[in-house]
Amino acid sequence: MDIDALHSTLLSIAVVSEKLRTAREKFSASTNGDLSLRKLLCEMEEELRVAKATLAGELGFSLCPRCWPPELVTAGRAGRINCPVCGEISYERAA
């Protein structure tokens, strides 16, 4: 495993945790900041998806090459690779 990639993933998770704390504080202080809170929540979601994809890749899971950030794919009983976001992909296209 690439220790630098795992370290980067842990740092991303730490940053997202800090943003969650900030969002909670903003939400508690005022409900007028809906747009800035929404933007912050979108950024956190994106960072968590990137962290998940990075960690999954390092652990050897298959990722969808069509999505960004890459999503985890699963194999059905018939052997077809399925992406929960963009639909089915073939084995040749799975990363």
PDB file of N, CA and C in Angstrom:
ATOM      1  N   MET A   1       0.830  -1.189   0.000  1.00  0.00           N
ATOM      2  CA  MET A   1       0.000   0.000   0.000  1.00  0.00           C
ATOM      3  C   MET A   1       0.871   1.248   0.000  1.00  0.00           C
ATOM      4  N   ASP A   2       0.387   2.270  -0.652  1.00  0.00           N
ATOM      5  CA  ASP A   2       1.090   3.539  -0.726  1.00  0.00           C
ATOM      6  C   ASP A   2       0.788   4.345   0.529  1.00  0.00           C
ATOM      7  N   ILE A   3       1.784   4.490   1.392  1.00  0.00           N
ATOM      8  CA  ILE A   3       1.592   5.189   2.663  1.00  0.00           C
ATOM      9  C   ILE A   3       1.247   6.663   2.448  1.00  0.00           C
ATOM     10  N   ASP A   4       1.767   7.266   1.373  1.00  0.00           N
ATOM     11  CA  ASP A   4       1.449   8.671   1.088  1.00  0.00           C
ATOM     12  C   ASP A   4      -0.023   8.846   0.734  1.00  0.00           C
ATOM     13  N   ALA A   5      -0.579   7.915  -0.014  1.00  0.00           N
ATOM     14  CA  ALA A   5      -2.001   7.990  -0.375  1.00  0.00           C
ATOM     15  C   ALA A   5      -2.879   7.802   0.856  1.00  0.00           C
ATOM     16  N   LEU A   6      -2.501   6.862   1.712  1.00  0.00           N
ATOM     17  CA  LEU A   6      -3.258   6.667   2.948  1.00  0.00           C
ATOM     18  C   LEU A   6      -3.164   7.896   3.843  1.00  0.00           C
ATOM     19  N   HIS A   7      -1.993   8.495   3.911  1.00  0.00           N
ATOM     20  CA  HIS A   7      -1.802   9.712   4.697  1.00  0.00           C
ATOM     21  C   HIS A   7      -2.664  10.845   4.148  1.00  0.00           C
ATOM     22  N   SER A   8      -2.703  10.975   2.827  1.00  0.00           N
ATOM     23  CA  SER A   8      -3.524  11.998   2.186  1.00  0.00           C
ATOM     24  C   SER A   8      -4.998  11.784   2.495  1.00  0.00           C
ATOM     25  N   THR A   9      -5.416  10.538   2.497  1.00  0.00           N
ATOM     26  CA  THR A   9      -6.803  10.219   2.811  1.00  0.00           C
ATOM     27  C   THR A   9      -7.141  10.616   4.238  1.00  0.00           C
ATOM     28  N   LEU A  10      -6.259  10.294   5.152  1.00  0.00           N
ATOM     29  CA  LEU A  10      -6.494  10.662   6.543  1.00  0.00           C
ATOM     30  C   LEU A  10      -6.540  12.178   6.712  1.00  0.00           C
ATOM     31  N   LEU A  11      -5.673  12.892   6.002  1.00  0.00           N
ATOM     32  CA  LEU A  11      -5.709  14.354   6.077  1.00  0.00           C
ATOM     33  C   LEU A  11      -7.022  14.902   5.527  1.00  0.00           C
ATOM     34  N   SER A  12      -7.506  14.317   4.433  1.00  0.00           N
ATOM     35  CA  SER A  12      -8.781  14.745   3.859  1.00  0.00           C
ATOM     36  C   SER A  12      -9.920  14.539   4.836  1.00  0.00           C
ATOM     37  N   ILE A  13      -9.914  13.418   5.505  1.00  0.00           N
ATOM     38  CA  ILE A  13     -10.958  13.135   6.485  1.00  0.00           C
ATOM     39  C   ILE A  13     -10.872  14.123   7.642  1.00  0.00           C
ATOM     40  N   ALA A  14      -9.657  14.483   8.052  1.00  0.00           N
ATOM     41  CA  ALA A  14      -9.484  15.465   9.122  1.00  0.00           C
ATOM     42  C   ALA A  14     -10.017  16.835   8.707  1.00  0.00           C
ATOM     43  N   VAL A  15      -9.760  17.227   7.451  1.00  0.00           N
ATOM     44  CA  VAL A  15     -10.250  18.516   6.952  1.00  0.00           C
ATOM     45  C   VAL A  15     -11.769  18.520   6.920  1.00  0.00           C
ATOM     46  N   VAL A  16     -12.362  17.424   6.470  1.00  0.00           N
ATOM     47  CA  VAL A  16     -13.819  17.335   6.411  1.00  0.00           C
ATOM     48  C   VAL A  16     -14.416  17.401   7.817  1.00  0.00           C
ATOM     49  N   SER A  17     -13.782  16.766   8.765  1.00  0.00           N
ATOM     50  CA  SER A  17     -14.263  16.834  10.143  1.00  0.00           C
ATOM     51  C   SER A  17     -14.275  18.277  10.650  1.00  0.00           C
ATOM     52  N   GLU A  18     -13.235  19.011  10.317  1.00  0.00           N
ATOM     53  CA  GLU A  18     -13.164  20.424  10.720  1.00  0.00           C
ATOM     54  C   GLU A  18     -14.267  21.228  10.039  1.00  0.00           C
ATOM     55  N   LYS A  19     -14.526  20.958   8.782  1.00  0.00           N
ATOM     56  CA  LYS A  19     -15.589  21.670   8.068  1.00  0.00           C
ATOM     57  C   LYS A  19     -16.960  21.330   8.630  1.00  0.00           C
ATOM     58  N   LEU A  20     -17.144  20.089   9.049  1.00  0.00           N
ATOM     59  CA  LEU A  20     -18.401  19.720   9.690  1.00  0.00           C
ATOM     60  C   LEU A  20     -18.610  20.510  10.975  1.00  0.00           C
ATOM     61  N   ARG A  21     -17.558  20.670  11.734  1.00  0.00           N
ATOM     62  CA  ARG A  21     -17.646  21.450  12.965  1.00  0.00           C
ATOM     63  C   ARG A  21     -18.009  22.894  12.649  1.00  0.00           C
ATOM     64  N   THR A  22     -17.371  23.459  11.626  1.00  0.00           N
ATOM     65  CA  THR A  22     -17.651  24.832  11.213  1.00  0.00           C
ATOM     66  C   THR A  22     -19.097  24.964  10.753  1.00  0.00           C
ATOM     67  N   ALA A  23     -19.577  23.999   9.982  1.00  0.00           N
ATOM     68  CA  ALA A  23     -20.960  24.039   9.504  1.00  0.00           C
ATOM     69  C   ALA A  23     -21.936  23.983  10.669  1.00  0.00           C
ATOM     70  N   ARG A  24     -21.652  23.140  11.619  1.00  0.00           N
ATOM     71  CA  ARG A  24     -22.520  23.038  12.797  1.00  0.00           C
ATOM     72  C   ARG A  24     -22.564  24.353  13.544  1.00  0.00           C
ATOM     73  N   GLU A  25     -21.413  24.995  13.712  1.00  0.00           N
ATOM     74  CA  GLU A  25     -21.366  26.282  14.403  1.00  0.00           C
ATOM     75  C   GLU A  25     -22.135  27.361  13.637  1.00  0.00           C
ATOM     76  N   LYS A  26     -21.973  27.382  12.314  1.00  0.00           N
ATOM     77  CA  LYS A  26     -22.699  28.361  11.502  1.00  0.00           C
ATOM     78  C   LYS A  26     -24.203  28.133  11.572  1.00  0.00           C
ATOM     79  N   PHE A  27     -24.596  26.881  11.520  1.00  0.00           N
ATOM     80  CA  PHE A  27     -26.015  26.567  11.570  1.00  0.00           C
ATOM     81  C   PHE A  27     -26.606  26.966  12.913  1.00  0.00           C
ATOM     82  N   SER A  28     -25.867  26.742  13.983  1.00  0.00           N
ATOM     83  CA  SER A  28     -26.338  27.107  15.320  1.00  0.00           C
ATOM     84  C   SER A  28     -26.435  28.617  15.489  1.00  0.00           C
ATOM     85  N   ALA A  29     -25.506  29.350  14.887  1.00  0.00           N
ATOM     86  CA  ALA A  29     -25.454  30.805  15.047  1.00  0.00           C
ATOM     87  C   ALA A  29     -26.550  31.505  14.259  1.00  0.00           C
ATOM     88  N   SER A  30     -26.844  31.029  13.059  1.00  0.00           N
ATOM     89  CA  SER A  30     -27.799  31.730  12.207  1.00  0.00           C
ATOM     90  C   SER A  30     -28.360  30.807  11.149  1.00  0.00           C
ATOM     91  N   THR A  31     -29.630  30.966  10.852  1.00  0.00           N
ATOM     92  CA  THR A  31     -30.226  30.221   9.757  1.00  0.00           C
ATOM     93  C   THR A  31     -30.237  31.061   8.487  1.00  0.00           C
ATOM     94  N   ASN A  32     -29.722  32.298   8.545  1.00  0.00           N
ATOM     95  CA  ASN A  32     -29.665  33.165   7.367  1.00  0.00           C
ATOM     96  C   ASN A  32     -28.526  32.781   6.427  1.00  0.00           C
ATOM     97  N   GLY A  33     -27.601  32.002   6.871  1.00  0.00           N
ATOM     98  CA  GLY A  33     -26.452  31.626   6.054  1.00  0.00           C
ATOM     99  C   GLY A  33     -26.689  30.364   5.247  1.00  0.00           C
ATOM    100  N   ASP A  34     -27.913  30.163   4.761  1.00  0.00           N
ATOM    101  CA  ASP A  34     -28.259  28.938   4.048  1.00  0.00           C
ATOM    102  C   ASP A  34     -27.376  28.687   2.832  1.00  0.00           C
ATOM    103  N   LEU A  35     -27.099  29.728   2.037  1.00  0.00           N
ATOM    104  CA  LEU A  35     -26.300  29.529   0.829  1.00  0.00           C
ATOM    105  C   LEU A  35     -24.864  29.148   1.165  1.00  0.00           C
ATOM    106  N   SER A  36     -24.252  29.839   2.112  1.00  0.00           N
ATOM    107  CA  SER A  36     -22.873  29.504   2.479  1.00  0.00           C
ATOM    108  C   SER A  36     -22.808  28.138   3.155  1.00  0.00           C
ATOM    109  N   LEU A  37     -23.825  27.801   3.920  1.00  0.00           N
ATOM    110  CA  LEU A  37     -23.859  26.487   4.558  1.00  0.00           C
ATOM    111  C   LEU A  37     -24.024  25.402   3.507  1.00  0.00           C
ATOM    112  N   ARG A  38     -24.877  25.625   2.531  1.00  0.00           N
ATOM    113  CA  ARG A  38     -25.074  24.653   1.460  1.00  0.00           C
ATOM    114  C   ARG A  38     -23.774  24.432   0.692  1.00  0.00           C
ATOM    115  N   LYS A  39     -23.050  25.519   0.401  1.00  0.00           N
ATOM    116  CA  LYS A  39     -21.777  25.401  -0.317  1.00  0.00           C
ATOM    117  C   LYS A  39     -20.768  24.598   0.511  1.00  0.00           C
ATOM    118  N   LEU A  40     -20.710  24.892   1.789  1.00  0.00           N
ATOM    119  CA  LEU A  40     -19.786  24.184   2.672  1.00  0.00           C
ATOM    120  C   LEU A  40     -20.125  22.692   2.728  1.00  0.00           C
ATOM    121  N   LEU A  41     -21.411  22.365   2.802  1.00  0.00           N
ATOM    122  CA  LEU A  41     -21.818  20.971   2.843  1.00  0.00           C
ATOM    123  C   LEU A  41     -21.486  20.255   1.535  1.00  0.00           C
ATOM    124  N   CYS A  42     -21.647  20.934   0.406  1.00  0.00           N
ATOM    125  CA  CYS A  42     -21.285  20.343  -0.891  1.00  0.00           C
ATOM    126  C   CYS A  42     -19.784  20.067  -0.968  1.00  0.00           C
ATOM    127  N   GLU A  43     -18.977  21.004  -0.478  1.00  0.00           N
ATOM    128  CA  GLU A  43     -17.527  20.809  -0.467  1.00  0.00           C
ATOM    129  C   GLU A  43     -17.154  19.611   0.399  1.00  0.00           C
ATOM    130  N   MET A  44     -17.809  19.484   1.549  1.00  0.00           N
ATOM    131  CA  MET A  44     -17.511  18.364   2.440  1.00  0.00           C
ATOM    132  C   MET A  44     -17.878  17.043   1.789  1.00  0.00           C
ATOM    133  N   GLU A  45     -19.026  17.003   1.124  1.00  0.00           N
ATOM    134  CA  GLU A  45     -19.436  15.776   0.451  1.00  0.00           C
ATOM    135  C   GLU A  45     -18.426  15.382  -0.622  1.00  0.00           C
ATOM    136  N   GLU A  46     -17.985  16.347  -1.415  1.00  0.00           N
ATOM    137  CA  GLU A  46     -16.998  16.071  -2.464  1.00  0.00           C
ATOM    138  C   GLU A  46     -15.691  15.552  -1.865  1.00  0.00           C
ATOM    139  N   GLU A  47     -15.232  16.173  -0.794  1.00  0.00           N
ATOM    140  CA  GLU A  47     -13.982  15.749  -0.166  1.00  0.00           C
ATOM    141  C   GLU A  47     -14.096  14.351   0.435  1.00  0.00           C
ATOM    142  N   LEU A  48     -15.241  14.038   1.004  1.00  0.00           N
ATOM    143  CA  LEU A  48     -15.431  12.692   1.540  1.00  0.00           C
ATOM    144  C   LEU A  48     -15.461  11.648   0.428  1.00  0.00           C
ATOM    145  N   ARG A  49     -16.070  11.973  -0.703  1.00  0.00           N
ATOM    146  CA  ARG A  49     -16.106  11.039  -1.832  1.00  0.00           C
ATOM    147  C   ARG A  49     -14.702  10.813  -2.389  1.00  0.00           C
ATOM    148  N   VAL A  50     -13.897  11.861  -2.462  1.00  0.00           N
ATOM    149  CA  VAL A  50     -12.515  11.718  -2.929  1.00  0.00           C
ATOM    150  C   VAL A  50     -11.725  10.857  -1.941  1.00  0.00           C
ATOM    151  N   ALA A  51     -11.907  11.114  -0.642  1.00  0.00           N
ATOM    152  CA  ALA A  51     -11.203  10.333   0.373  1.00  0.00           C
ATOM    153  C   ALA A  51     -11.601   8.866   0.299  1.00  0.00           C
ATOM    154  N   LYS A  52     -12.890   8.613   0.107  1.00  0.00           N
ATOM    155  CA  LYS A  52     -13.378   7.238   0.001  1.00  0.00           C
ATOM    156  C   LYS A  52     -12.776   6.542  -1.214  1.00  0.00           C
ATOM    157  N   ALA A  53     -12.751   7.231  -2.334  1.00  0.00           N
ATOM    158  CA  ALA A  53     -12.192   6.644  -3.557  1.00  0.00           C
ATOM    159  C   ALA A  53     -10.700   6.375  -3.408  1.00  0.00           C
ATOM    160  N   THR A  54      -9.990   7.283  -2.786  1.00  0.00           N
ATOM    161  CA  THR A  54      -8.551   7.107  -2.582  1.00  0.00           C
ATOM    162  C   THR A  54      -8.273   5.890  -1.716  1.00  0.00           C
ATOM    163  N   LEU A  55      -8.975   5.811  -0.610  1.00  0.00           N
ATOM    164  CA  LEU A  55      -8.776   4.686   0.296  1.00  0.00           C
ATOM    165  C   LEU A  55      -9.193   3.376  -0.365  1.00  0.00           C
ATOM    166  N   ALA A  56     -10.320   3.379  -1.065  1.00  0.00           N
ATOM    167  CA  ALA A  56     -10.788   2.167  -1.746  1.00  0.00           C
ATOM    168  C   ALA A  56      -9.785   1.699  -2.793  1.00  0.00           C
ATOM    169  N   GLY A  57      -9.228   2.639  -3.541  1.00  0.00           N
ATOM    170  CA  GLY A  57      -8.221   2.291  -4.537  1.00  0.00           C
ATOM    171  C   GLY A  57      -6.986   1.679  -3.908  1.00  0.00           C
ATOM    172  N   GLU A  58      -6.572   2.235  -2.790  1.00  0.00           N
ATOM    173  CA  GLU A  58      -5.394   1.706  -2.099  1.00  0.00           C
ATOM    174  C   GLU A  58      -5.647   0.329  -1.514  1.00  0.00           C
ATOM    175  N   LEU A  59      -6.885   0.058  -1.182  1.00  0.00           N
ATOM    176  CA  LEU A  59      -7.222  -1.247  -0.616  1.00  0.00           C
ATOM    177  C   LEU A  59      -7.560  -2.276  -1.690  1.00  0.00           C
ATOM    178  N   GLY A  60      -7.496  -1.866  -2.963  1.00  0.00           N
ATOM    179  CA  GLY A  60      -7.677  -2.801  -4.061  1.00  0.00           C
ATOM    180  C   GLY A  60      -9.099  -2.976  -4.565  1.00  0.00           C
ATOM    181  N   PHE A  61     -10.027  -2.117  -4.158  1.00  0.00           N
ATOM    182  CA  PHE A  61     -11.392  -2.210  -4.650  1.00  0.00           C
ATOM    183  C   PHE A  61     -11.476  -1.672  -6.073  1.00  0.00           C
ATOM    184  N   SER A  62     -12.447  -2.155  -6.833  1.00  0.00           N
ATOM    185  CA  SER A  62     -12.664  -1.670  -8.197  1.00  0.00           C
ATOM    186  C   SER A  62     -13.410  -0.343  -8.155  1.00  0.00           C
ATOM    187  N   LEU A  63     -12.989   0.581  -9.030  1.00  0.00           N
ATOM    188  CA  LEU A  63     -13.594   1.912  -9.092  1.00  0.00           C
ATOM    189  C   LEU A  63     -14.120   2.178 -10.490  1.00  0.00           C
ATOM    190  N   CYS A  64     -15.168   2.974 -10.574  1.00  0.00           N
ATOM    191  CA  CYS A  64     -15.751   3.333 -11.859  1.00  0.00           C
ATOM    192  C   CYS A  64     -14.871   4.380 -12.547  1.00  0.00           C
ATOM    193  N   PRO A  65     -14.467   4.127 -13.789  1.00  0.00           N
ATOM    194  CA  PRO A  65     -13.630   5.086 -14.495  1.00  0.00           C
ATOM    195  C   PRO A  65     -14.426   6.247 -15.098  1.00  0.00           C
ATOM    196  N   ARG A  66     -15.768   6.178 -15.047  1.00  0.00           N
ATOM    197  CA  ARG A  66     -16.597   7.224 -15.650  1.00  0.00           C
ATOM    198  C   ARG A  66     -16.993   8.309 -14.662  1.00  0.00           C
ATOM    199  N   CYS A  67     -16.923   8.042 -13.378  1.00  0.00           N
ATOM    200  CA  CYS A  67     -17.389   8.989 -12.356  1.00  0.00           C
ATOM    201  C   CYS A  67     -16.232   9.765 -11.748  1.00  0.00           C
ATOM    202  N   TRP A  68     -16.525  10.978 -11.336  1.00  0.00           N
ATOM    203  CA  TRP A  68     -15.561  11.746 -10.545  1.00  0.00           C
ATOM    204  C   TRP A  68     -16.276  12.383  -9.383  1.00  0.00           C
ATOM    205  N   PRO A  69     -15.768  12.164  -8.175  1.00  0.00           N
ATOM    206  CA  PRO A  69     -14.710  11.212  -7.850  1.00  0.00           C
ATOM    207  C   PRO A  69     -15.176   9.784  -8.143  1.00  0.00           C
ATOM    208  N   PRO A  70     -14.210   8.896  -8.368  1.00  0.00           N
ATOM    209  CA  PRO A  70     -14.572   7.518  -8.698  1.00  0.00           C
ATOM    210  C   PRO A  70     -15.452   6.885  -7.621  1.00  0.00           C
ATOM    211  N   GLU A  71     -16.424   6.126  -8.070  1.00  0.00           N
ATOM    212  CA  GLU A  71     -17.321   5.420  -7.160  1.00  0.00           C
ATOM    213  C   GLU A  71     -16.924   3.953  -7.102  1.00  0.00           C
ATOM    214  N   LEU A  72     -17.189   3.325  -5.972  1.00  0.00           N
ATOM    215  CA  LEU A  72     -16.973   1.888  -5.835  1.00  0.00           C
ATOM    216  C   LEU A  72     -17.966   1.155  -6.720  1.00  0.00           C
ATOM    217  N   VAL A  73     -17.508   0.119  -7.400  1.00  0.00           N
ATOM    218  CA  VAL A  73     -18.394  -0.690  -8.225  1.00  0.00           C
ATOM    219  C   VAL A  73     -18.520  -2.075  -7.619  1.00  0.00           C
ATOM    220  N   THR A  74     -19.614  -2.739  -7.950  1.00  0.00           N
ATOM    221  CA  THR A  74     -19.854  -4.085  -7.448  1.00  0.00           C
ATOM    222  C   THR A  74     -20.115  -5.014  -8.625  1.00  0.00           C
ATOM    223  N   ALA A  75     -19.871  -6.279  -8.412  1.00  0.00           N
ATOM    224  CA  ALA A  75     -20.154  -7.287  -9.440  1.00  0.00           C
ATOM    225  C   ALA A  75     -21.440  -8.003  -9.063  1.00  0.00           C
ATOM    226  N   GLY A  76     -22.359  -8.084 -10.027  1.00  0.00           N
ATOM    227  CA  GLY A  76     -23.609  -8.804  -9.815  1.00  0.00           C
ATOM    228  C   GLY A  76     -23.403 -10.305  -9.926  1.00  0.00           C
ATOM    229  N   ARG A  77     -24.444 -11.048  -9.679  1.00  0.00           N
ATOM    230  CA  ARG A  77     -24.353 -12.511  -9.743  1.00  0.00           C
ATOM    231  C   ARG A  77     -24.001 -12.998 -11.138  1.00  0.00           C
ATOM    232  N   ALA A  78     -24.394 -12.239 -12.154  1.00  0.00           N
ATOM    233  CA  ALA A  78     -24.096 -12.625 -13.542  1.00  0.00           C
ATOM    234  C   ALA A  78     -22.691 -12.195 -13.948  1.00  0.00           C
ATOM    235  N   GLY A  79     -21.951 -11.544 -13.038  1.00  0.00           N
ATOM    236  CA  GLY A  79     -20.590 -11.122 -13.327  1.00  0.00           C
ATOM    237  C   GLY A  79     -20.482  -9.737 -13.930  1.00  0.00           C
ATOM    238  N   ARG A  80     -21.589  -9.030 -14.045  1.00  0.00           N
ATOM    239  CA  ARG A  80     -21.550  -7.676 -14.603  1.00  0.00           C
ATOM    240  C   ARG A  80     -21.162  -6.688 -13.521  1.00  0.00           C
ATOM    241  N   ILE A  81     -20.320  -5.727 -13.904  1.00  0.00           N
ATOM    242  CA  ILE A  81     -19.892  -4.673 -12.988  1.00  0.00           C
ATOM    243  C   ILE A  81     -20.957  -3.585 -12.974  1.00  0.00           C
ATOM    244  N   ASN A  82     -21.346  -3.148 -11.780  1.00  0.00           N
ATOM    245  CA  ASN A  82     -22.382  -2.122 -11.632  1.00  0.00           C
ATOM    246  C   ASN A  82     -21.849  -0.937 -10.840  1.00  0.00           C
ATOM    247  N   CYS A  83     -22.108   0.264 -11.337  1.00  0.00           N
ATOM    248  CA  CYS A  83     -21.778   1.492 -10.631  1.00  0.00           C
ATOM    249  C   CYS A  83     -23.089   2.075 -10.103  1.00  0.00           C
ATOM    250  N   PRO A  84     -23.174   2.390  -8.811  1.00  0.00           N
ATOM    251  CA  PRO A  84     -24.419   2.902  -8.261  1.00  0.00           C
ATOM    252  C   PRO A  84     -24.773   4.307  -8.753  1.00  0.00           C
ATOM    253  N   VAL A  85     -23.826   5.014  -9.347  1.00  0.00           N
ATOM    254  CA  VAL A  85     -24.074   6.382  -9.791  1.00  0.00           C
ATOM    255  C   VAL A  85     -24.410   6.459 -11.276  1.00  0.00           C
ATOM    256  N   CYS A  86     -23.597   5.836 -12.127  1.00  0.00           N
ATOM    257  CA  CYS A  86     -23.784   5.993 -13.571  1.00  0.00           C
ATOM    258  C   CYS A  86     -24.382   4.767 -14.253  1.00  0.00           C
ATOM    259  N   GLY A  87     -24.566   3.692 -13.543  1.00  0.00           N
ATOM    260  CA  GLY A  87     -25.143   2.482 -14.135  1.00  0.00           C
ATOM    261  C   GLY A  87     -24.079   1.425 -14.392  1.00  0.00           C
ATOM    262  N   GLU A  88     -24.424   0.469 -15.235  1.00  0.00           N
ATOM    263  CA  GLU A  88     -23.541  -0.671 -15.476  1.00  0.00           C
ATOM    264  C   GLU A  88     -22.364  -0.281 -16.362  1.00  0.00           C
ATOM    265  N   ILE A  89     -21.234  -0.917 -16.078  1.00  0.00           N
ATOM    266  CA  ILE A  89     -20.037  -0.776 -16.908  1.00  0.00           C
ATOM    267  C   ILE A  89     -19.462  -2.164 -17.123  1.00  0.00           C
ATOM    268  N   SER A  90     -18.649  -2.323 -18.129  1.00  0.00           N
ATOM    269  CA  SER A  90     -18.071  -3.630 -18.421  1.00  0.00           C
ATOM    270  C   SER A  90     -16.792  -3.836 -17.626  1.00  0.00           C
ATOM    271  N   TYR A  91     -16.321  -5.079 -17.577  1.00  0.00           N
ATOM    272  CA  TYR A  91     -15.064  -5.372 -16.900  1.00  0.00           C
ATOM    273  C   TYR A  91     -13.899  -4.590 -17.500  1.00  0.00           C
ATOM    274  N   GLU A  92     -13.909  -4.422 -18.814  1.00  0.00           N
ATOM    275  CA  GLU A  92     -12.805  -3.738 -19.478  1.00  0.00           C
ATOM    276  C   GLU A  92     -12.710  -2.272 -19.050  1.00  0.00           C
ATOM    277  N   ARG A  93     -13.827  -1.682 -18.643  1.00  0.00           N
ATOM    278  CA  ARG A  93     -13.829  -0.267 -18.287  1.00  0.00           C
ATOM    279  C   ARG A  93     -13.602  -0.036 -16.810  1.00  0.00           C
ATOM    280  N   ALA A  94     -13.680  -1.076 -16.004  1.00  0.00           N
ATOM    281  CA  ALA A  94     -13.469  -0.921 -14.559  1.00  0.00           C
ATOM    282  C   ALA A  94     -11.994  -0.679 -14.296  1.00  0.00           C
ATOM    283  N   ALA A  95     -11.720   0.239 -13.395  1.00  0.00           N
ATOM    284  CA  ALA A  95     -10.325   0.568 -13.065  1.00  0.00           C
ATOM    285  C   ALA A  95      -9.805  -0.382 -12.008  1.00  0.00           C
TER     286      ALA A  95
END
